Amino acid sequence: MSAPHRIKDLADVLDLIRATQLAVELATQLDASVRAKYLELWHAAQAPERD
């Protein structure tokens, strides 16, 4: 979460949320240290993709 060279990992999670249509409620099952980032990415995944 704090390593700038791991930004691809965040993009991968965003893609995973979109591809599998993960539920926002999954955040309640995640460790508190990643919960806010999951919610941030989940909300970003709800926006239509641009070409």
PDB file of N, CA and C in Angstrom:
ATOM      1  N   MET A   1       0.822  -1.191   0.000  1.00  0.00           N
ATOM      2  CA  MET A   1       0.000   0.000   0.000  1.00  0.00           C
ATOM      3  C   MET A   1       0.866   1.254   0.000  1.00  0.00           C
ATOM      4  N   SER A   2       2.025   1.155   0.589  1.00  0.00           N
ATOM      5  CA  SER A   2       2.841   2.361   0.703  1.00  0.00           C
ATOM      6  C   SER A   2       4.004   2.390  -0.289  1.00  0.00           C
ATOM      7  N   ALA A   3       4.138   1.355  -1.104  1.00  0.00           N
ATOM      8  CA  ALA A   3       5.258   1.296  -2.045  1.00  0.00           C
ATOM      9  C   ALA A   3       4.825   1.803  -3.417  1.00  0.00           C
ATOM     10  N   PRO A   4       5.384   2.936  -3.858  1.00  0.00           N
ATOM     11  CA  PRO A   4       4.968   3.523  -5.142  1.00  0.00           C
ATOM     12  C   PRO A   4       5.208   2.600  -6.338  1.00  0.00           C
ATOM     13  N   HIS A   5       6.190   1.717  -6.232  1.00  0.00           N
ATOM     14  CA  HIS A   5       6.466   0.810  -7.348  1.00  0.00           C
ATOM     15  C   HIS A   5       5.433  -0.310  -7.473  1.00  0.00           C
ATOM     16  N   ARG A   6       4.474  -0.362  -6.586  1.00  0.00           N
ATOM     17  CA  ARG A   6       3.433  -1.399  -6.620  1.00  0.00           C
ATOM     18  C   ARG A   6       2.107  -0.868  -7.168  1.00  0.00           C
ATOM     19  N   ILE A   7       2.138   0.245  -7.873  1.00  0.00           N
ATOM     20  CA  ILE A   7       0.908   0.850  -8.390  1.00  0.00           C
ATOM     21  C   ILE A   7       0.169  -0.086  -9.349  1.00  0.00           C
ATOM     22  N   LYS A   8       0.912  -0.942 -10.049  1.00  0.00           N
ATOM     23  CA  LYS A   8       0.280  -1.918 -10.949  1.00  0.00           C
ATOM     24  C   LYS A   8      -0.630  -2.848 -10.159  1.00  0.00           C
ATOM     25  N   ASP A   9      -0.251  -3.167  -8.930  1.00  0.00           N
ATOM     26  CA  ASP A   9      -1.080  -4.020  -8.086  1.00  0.00           C
ATOM     27  C   ASP A   9      -2.446  -3.378  -7.844  1.00  0.00           C
ATOM     28  N   LEU A  10      -2.458  -2.065  -7.618  1.00  0.00           N
ATOM     29  CA  LEU A  10      -3.728  -1.368  -7.403  1.00  0.00           C
ATOM     30  C   LEU A  10      -4.584  -1.401  -8.666  1.00  0.00           C
ATOM     31  N   ALA A  11      -3.945  -1.226  -9.815  1.00  0.00           N
ATOM     32  CA  ALA A  11      -4.672  -1.306 -11.085  1.00  0.00           C
ATOM     33  C   ALA A  11      -5.232  -2.705 -11.285  1.00  0.00           C
ATOM     34  N   ASP A  12      -4.476  -3.709 -10.886  1.00  0.00           N
ATOM     35  CA  ASP A  12      -4.949  -5.095 -10.999  1.00  0.00           C
ATOM     36  C   ASP A  12      -6.170  -5.331 -10.120  1.00  0.00           C
ATOM     37  N   VAL A  13      -6.150  -4.784  -8.913  1.00  0.00           N
ATOM     38  CA  VAL A  13      -7.302  -4.929  -8.016  1.00  0.00           C
ATOM     39  C   VAL A  13      -8.520  -4.228  -8.615  1.00  0.00           C
ATOM     40  N   LEU A  14      -8.318  -3.055  -9.165  1.00  0.00           N
ATOM     41  CA  LEU A  14      -9.409  -2.327  -9.817  1.00  0.00           C
ATOM     42  C   LEU A  14     -10.008  -3.175 -10.941  1.00  0.00           C
ATOM     43  N   ASP A  15      -9.159  -3.759 -11.763  1.00  0.00           N
ATOM     44  CA  ASP A  15      -9.628  -4.622 -12.850  1.00  0.00           C
ATOM     45  C   ASP A  15     -10.360  -5.844 -12.311  1.00  0.00           C
ATOM     46  N   LEU A  16      -9.868  -6.418 -11.230  1.00  0.00           N
ATOM     47  CA  LEU A  16     -10.502  -7.576 -10.617  1.00  0.00           C
ATOM     48  C   LEU A  16     -11.895  -7.230 -10.092  1.00  0.00           C
ATOM     49  N   ILE A  17     -12.006  -6.092  -9.446  1.00  0.00           N
ATOM     50  CA  ILE A  17     -13.313  -5.648  -8.946  1.00  0.00           C
ATOM     51  C   ILE A  17     -14.301  -5.526 -10.104  1.00  0.00           C
ATOM     52  N   ARG A  18     -13.860  -4.929 -11.200  1.00  0.00           N
ATOM     53  CA  ARG A  18     -14.734  -4.775 -12.372  1.00  0.00           C
ATOM     54  C   ARG A  18     -15.097  -6.120 -12.992  1.00  0.00           C
ATOM     55  N   ALA A  19     -14.095  -6.951 -13.225  1.00  0.00           N
ATOM     56  CA  ALA A  19     -14.296  -8.212 -13.943  1.00  0.00           C
ATOM     57  C   ALA A  19     -15.187  -9.186 -13.182  1.00  0.00           C
ATOM     58  N   THR A  20     -15.054  -9.199 -11.872  1.00  0.00           N
ATOM     59  CA  THR A  20     -15.817 -10.163 -11.073  1.00  0.00           C
ATOM     60  C   THR A  20     -17.011  -9.537 -10.369  1.00  0.00           C
ATOM     61  N   GLN A  21     -17.170  -8.237 -10.551  1.00  0.00           N
ATOM     62  CA  GLN A  21     -18.268  -7.499  -9.929  1.00  0.00           C
ATOM     63  C   GLN A  21     -18.316  -7.737  -8.419  1.00  0.00           C
ATOM     64  N   LEU A  22     -17.138  -7.585  -7.782  1.00  0.00           N
ATOM     65  CA  LEU A  22     -17.070  -7.757  -6.336  1.00  0.00           C
ATOM     66  C   LEU A  22     -18.002  -6.771  -5.645  1.00  0.00           C
ATOM     67  N   ALA A  23     -18.564  -7.207  -4.552  1.00  0.00           N
ATOM     68  CA  ALA A  23     -19.517  -6.382  -3.807  1.00  0.00           C
ATOM     69  C   ALA A  23     -18.804  -5.400  -2.891  1.00  0.00           C
ATOM     70  N   VAL A  24     -19.408  -4.272  -2.692  1.00  0.00           N
ATOM     71  CA  VAL A  24     -18.861  -3.274  -1.768  1.00  0.00           C
ATOM     72  C   VAL A  24     -18.804  -3.850  -0.350  1.00  0.00           C
ATOM     73  N   GLU A  25     -19.725  -4.749  -0.034  1.00  0.00           N
ATOM     74  CA  GLU A  25     -19.790  -5.343   1.300  1.00  0.00           C
ATOM     75  C   GLU A  25     -18.564  -6.197   1.628  1.00  0.00           C
ATOM     76  N   LEU A  26     -17.802  -6.584   0.618  1.00  0.00           N
ATOM     77  CA  LEU A  26     -16.580  -7.347   0.862  1.00  0.00           C
ATOM     78  C   LEU A  26     -15.637  -6.576   1.778  1.00  0.00           C
ATOM     79  N   ALA A  27     -15.732  -5.280   1.764  1.00  0.00           N
ATOM     80  CA  ALA A  27     -14.862  -4.441   2.599  1.00  0.00           C
ATOM     81  C   ALA A  27     -14.964  -4.820   4.074  1.00  0.00           C
ATOM     82  N   THR A  28     -16.119  -5.248   4.518  1.00  0.00           N
ATOM     83  CA  THR A  28     -16.290  -5.596   5.934  1.00  0.00           C
ATOM     84  C   THR A  28     -15.488  -6.835   6.317  1.00  0.00           C
ATOM     85  N   GLN A  29     -15.102  -7.641   5.334  1.00  0.00           N
ATOM     86  CA  GLN A  29     -14.343  -8.867   5.597  1.00  0.00           C
ATOM     87  C   GLN A  29     -12.830  -8.660   5.482  1.00  0.00           C
ATOM     88  N   LEU A  30     -12.426  -7.492   5.027  1.00  0.00           N
ATOM     89  CA  LEU A  30     -11.011  -7.210   4.816  1.00  0.00           C
ATOM     90  C   LEU A  30     -10.370  -6.645   6.072  1.00  0.00           C
ATOM     91  N   ASP A  31      -9.064  -6.811   6.147  1.00  0.00           N
ATOM     92  CA  ASP A  31      -8.310  -6.227   7.240  1.00  0.00           C
ATOM     93  C   ASP A  31      -8.469  -4.709   7.213  1.00  0.00           C
ATOM     94  N   ALA A  32      -8.508  -4.127   8.379  1.00  0.00           N
ATOM     95  CA  ALA A  32      -8.706  -2.674   8.478  1.00  0.00           C
ATOM     96  C   ALA A  32      -7.631  -1.889   7.739  1.00  0.00           C
ATOM     97  N   SER A  33      -6.452  -2.457   7.592  1.00  0.00           N
ATOM     98  CA  SER A  33      -5.358  -1.738   6.943  1.00  0.00           C
ATOM     99  C   SER A  33      -5.561  -1.568   5.441  1.00  0.00           C
ATOM    100  N   VAL A  34      -6.448  -2.356   4.840  1.00  0.00           N
ATOM    101  CA  VAL A  34      -6.692  -2.246   3.396  1.00  0.00           C
ATOM    102  C   VAL A  34      -8.136  -1.884   3.056  1.00  0.00           C
ATOM    103  N   ARG A  35      -8.965  -1.802   4.055  1.00  0.00           N
ATOM    104  CA  ARG A  35     -10.395  -1.564   3.835  1.00  0.00           C
ATOM    105  C   ARG A  35     -10.681  -0.255   3.100  1.00  0.00           C
ATOM    106  N   ALA A  36     -10.069   0.838   3.521  1.00  0.00           N
ATOM    107  CA  ALA A  36     -10.332   2.139   2.891  1.00  0.00           C
ATOM    108  C   ALA A  36      -9.875   2.141   1.433  1.00  0.00           C
ATOM    109  N   LYS A  37      -8.742   1.519   1.144  1.00  0.00           N
ATOM    110  CA  LYS A  37      -8.243   1.475  -0.232  1.00  0.00           C
ATOM    111  C   LYS A  37      -9.165   0.625  -1.092  1.00  0.00           C
ATOM    112  N   TYR A  38      -9.667  -0.488  -0.548  1.00  0.00           N
ATOM    113  CA  TYR A  38     -10.627  -1.303  -1.298  1.00  0.00           C
ATOM    114  C   TYR A  38     -11.851  -0.475  -1.645  1.00  0.00           C
ATOM    115  N   LEU A  39     -12.378   0.249  -0.690  1.00  0.00           N
ATOM    116  CA  LEU A  39     -13.567   1.070  -0.944  1.00  0.00           C
ATOM    117  C   LEU A  39     -13.279   2.144  -1.988  1.00  0.00           C
ATOM    118  N   GLU A  40     -12.113   2.746  -1.909  1.00  0.00           N
ATOM    119  CA  GLU A  40     -11.716   3.744  -2.905  1.00  0.00           C
ATOM    120  C   GLU A  40     -11.676   3.123  -4.305  1.00  0.00           C
ATOM    121  N   LEU A  41     -11.058   1.958  -4.410  1.00  0.00           N
ATOM    122  CA  LEU A  41     -10.970   1.286  -5.706  1.00  0.00           C
ATOM    123  C   LEU A  41     -12.335   0.784  -6.164  1.00  0.00           C
ATOM    124  N   TRP A  42     -13.152   0.308  -5.223  1.00  0.00           N
ATOM    125  CA  TRP A  42     -14.487  -0.167  -5.577  1.00  0.00           C
ATOM    126  C   TRP A  42     -15.308   0.976  -6.187  1.00  0.00           C
ATOM    127  N   HIS A  43     -15.264   2.135  -5.561  1.00  0.00           N
ATOM    128  CA  HIS A  43     -16.009   3.282  -6.097  1.00  0.00           C
ATOM    129  C   HIS A  43     -15.460   3.696  -7.465  1.00  0.00           C
ATOM    130  N   ALA A  44     -14.161   3.655  -7.619  1.00  0.00           N
ATOM    131  CA  ALA A  44     -13.564   3.981  -8.919  1.00  0.00           C
ATOM    132  C   ALA A  44     -13.994   2.980  -9.983  1.00  0.00           C
ATOM    133  N   ALA A  45     -14.168   1.737  -9.598  1.00  0.00           N
ATOM    134  CA  ALA A  45     -14.565   0.693 -10.556  1.00  0.00           C
ATOM    135  C   ALA A  45     -15.993   0.864 -11.043  1.00  0.00           C
ATOM    136  N   GLN A  46     -16.789   1.634 -10.332  1.00  0.00           N
ATOM    137  CA  GLN A  46     -18.185   1.830 -10.731  1.00  0.00           C
ATOM    138  C   GLN A  46     -18.322   2.842 -11.853  1.00  0.00           C
ATOM    139  N   ALA A  47     -17.303   3.639 -12.069  1.00  0.00           N
ATOM    140  CA  ALA A  47     -17.334   4.638 -13.158  1.00  0.00           C
ATOM    141  C   ALA A  47     -17.155   3.916 -14.488  1.00  0.00           C
ATOM    142  N   PRO A  48     -17.842   4.395 -15.517  1.00  0.00           N
ATOM    143  CA  PRO A  48     -17.678   3.769 -16.837  1.00  0.00           C
ATOM    144  C   PRO A  48     -16.217   3.878 -17.314  1.00  0.00           C
ATOM    145  N   GLU A  49     -15.759   2.830 -17.958  1.00  0.00           N
ATOM    146  CA  GLU A  49     -14.398   2.845 -18.506  1.00  0.00           C
ATOM    147  C   GLU A  49     -14.341   3.774 -19.702  1.00  0.00           C
ATOM    148  N   ARG A  50     -13.221   4.473 -19.819  1.00  0.00           N
ATOM    149  CA  ARG A  50     -13.010   5.344 -20.993  1.00  0.00           C
ATOM    150  C   ARG A  50     -12.152   4.611 -21.996  1.00  0.00           C
ATOM    151  N   ASP A  51     -12.310   4.971 -23.251  1.00  0.00           N
ATOM    152  CA  ASP A  51     -11.472   4.367 -24.286  1.00  0.00           C
ATOM    153  C   ASP A  51     -10.194   5.129 -24.450  1.00  0.00           C
TER     154      ASP A  51
END
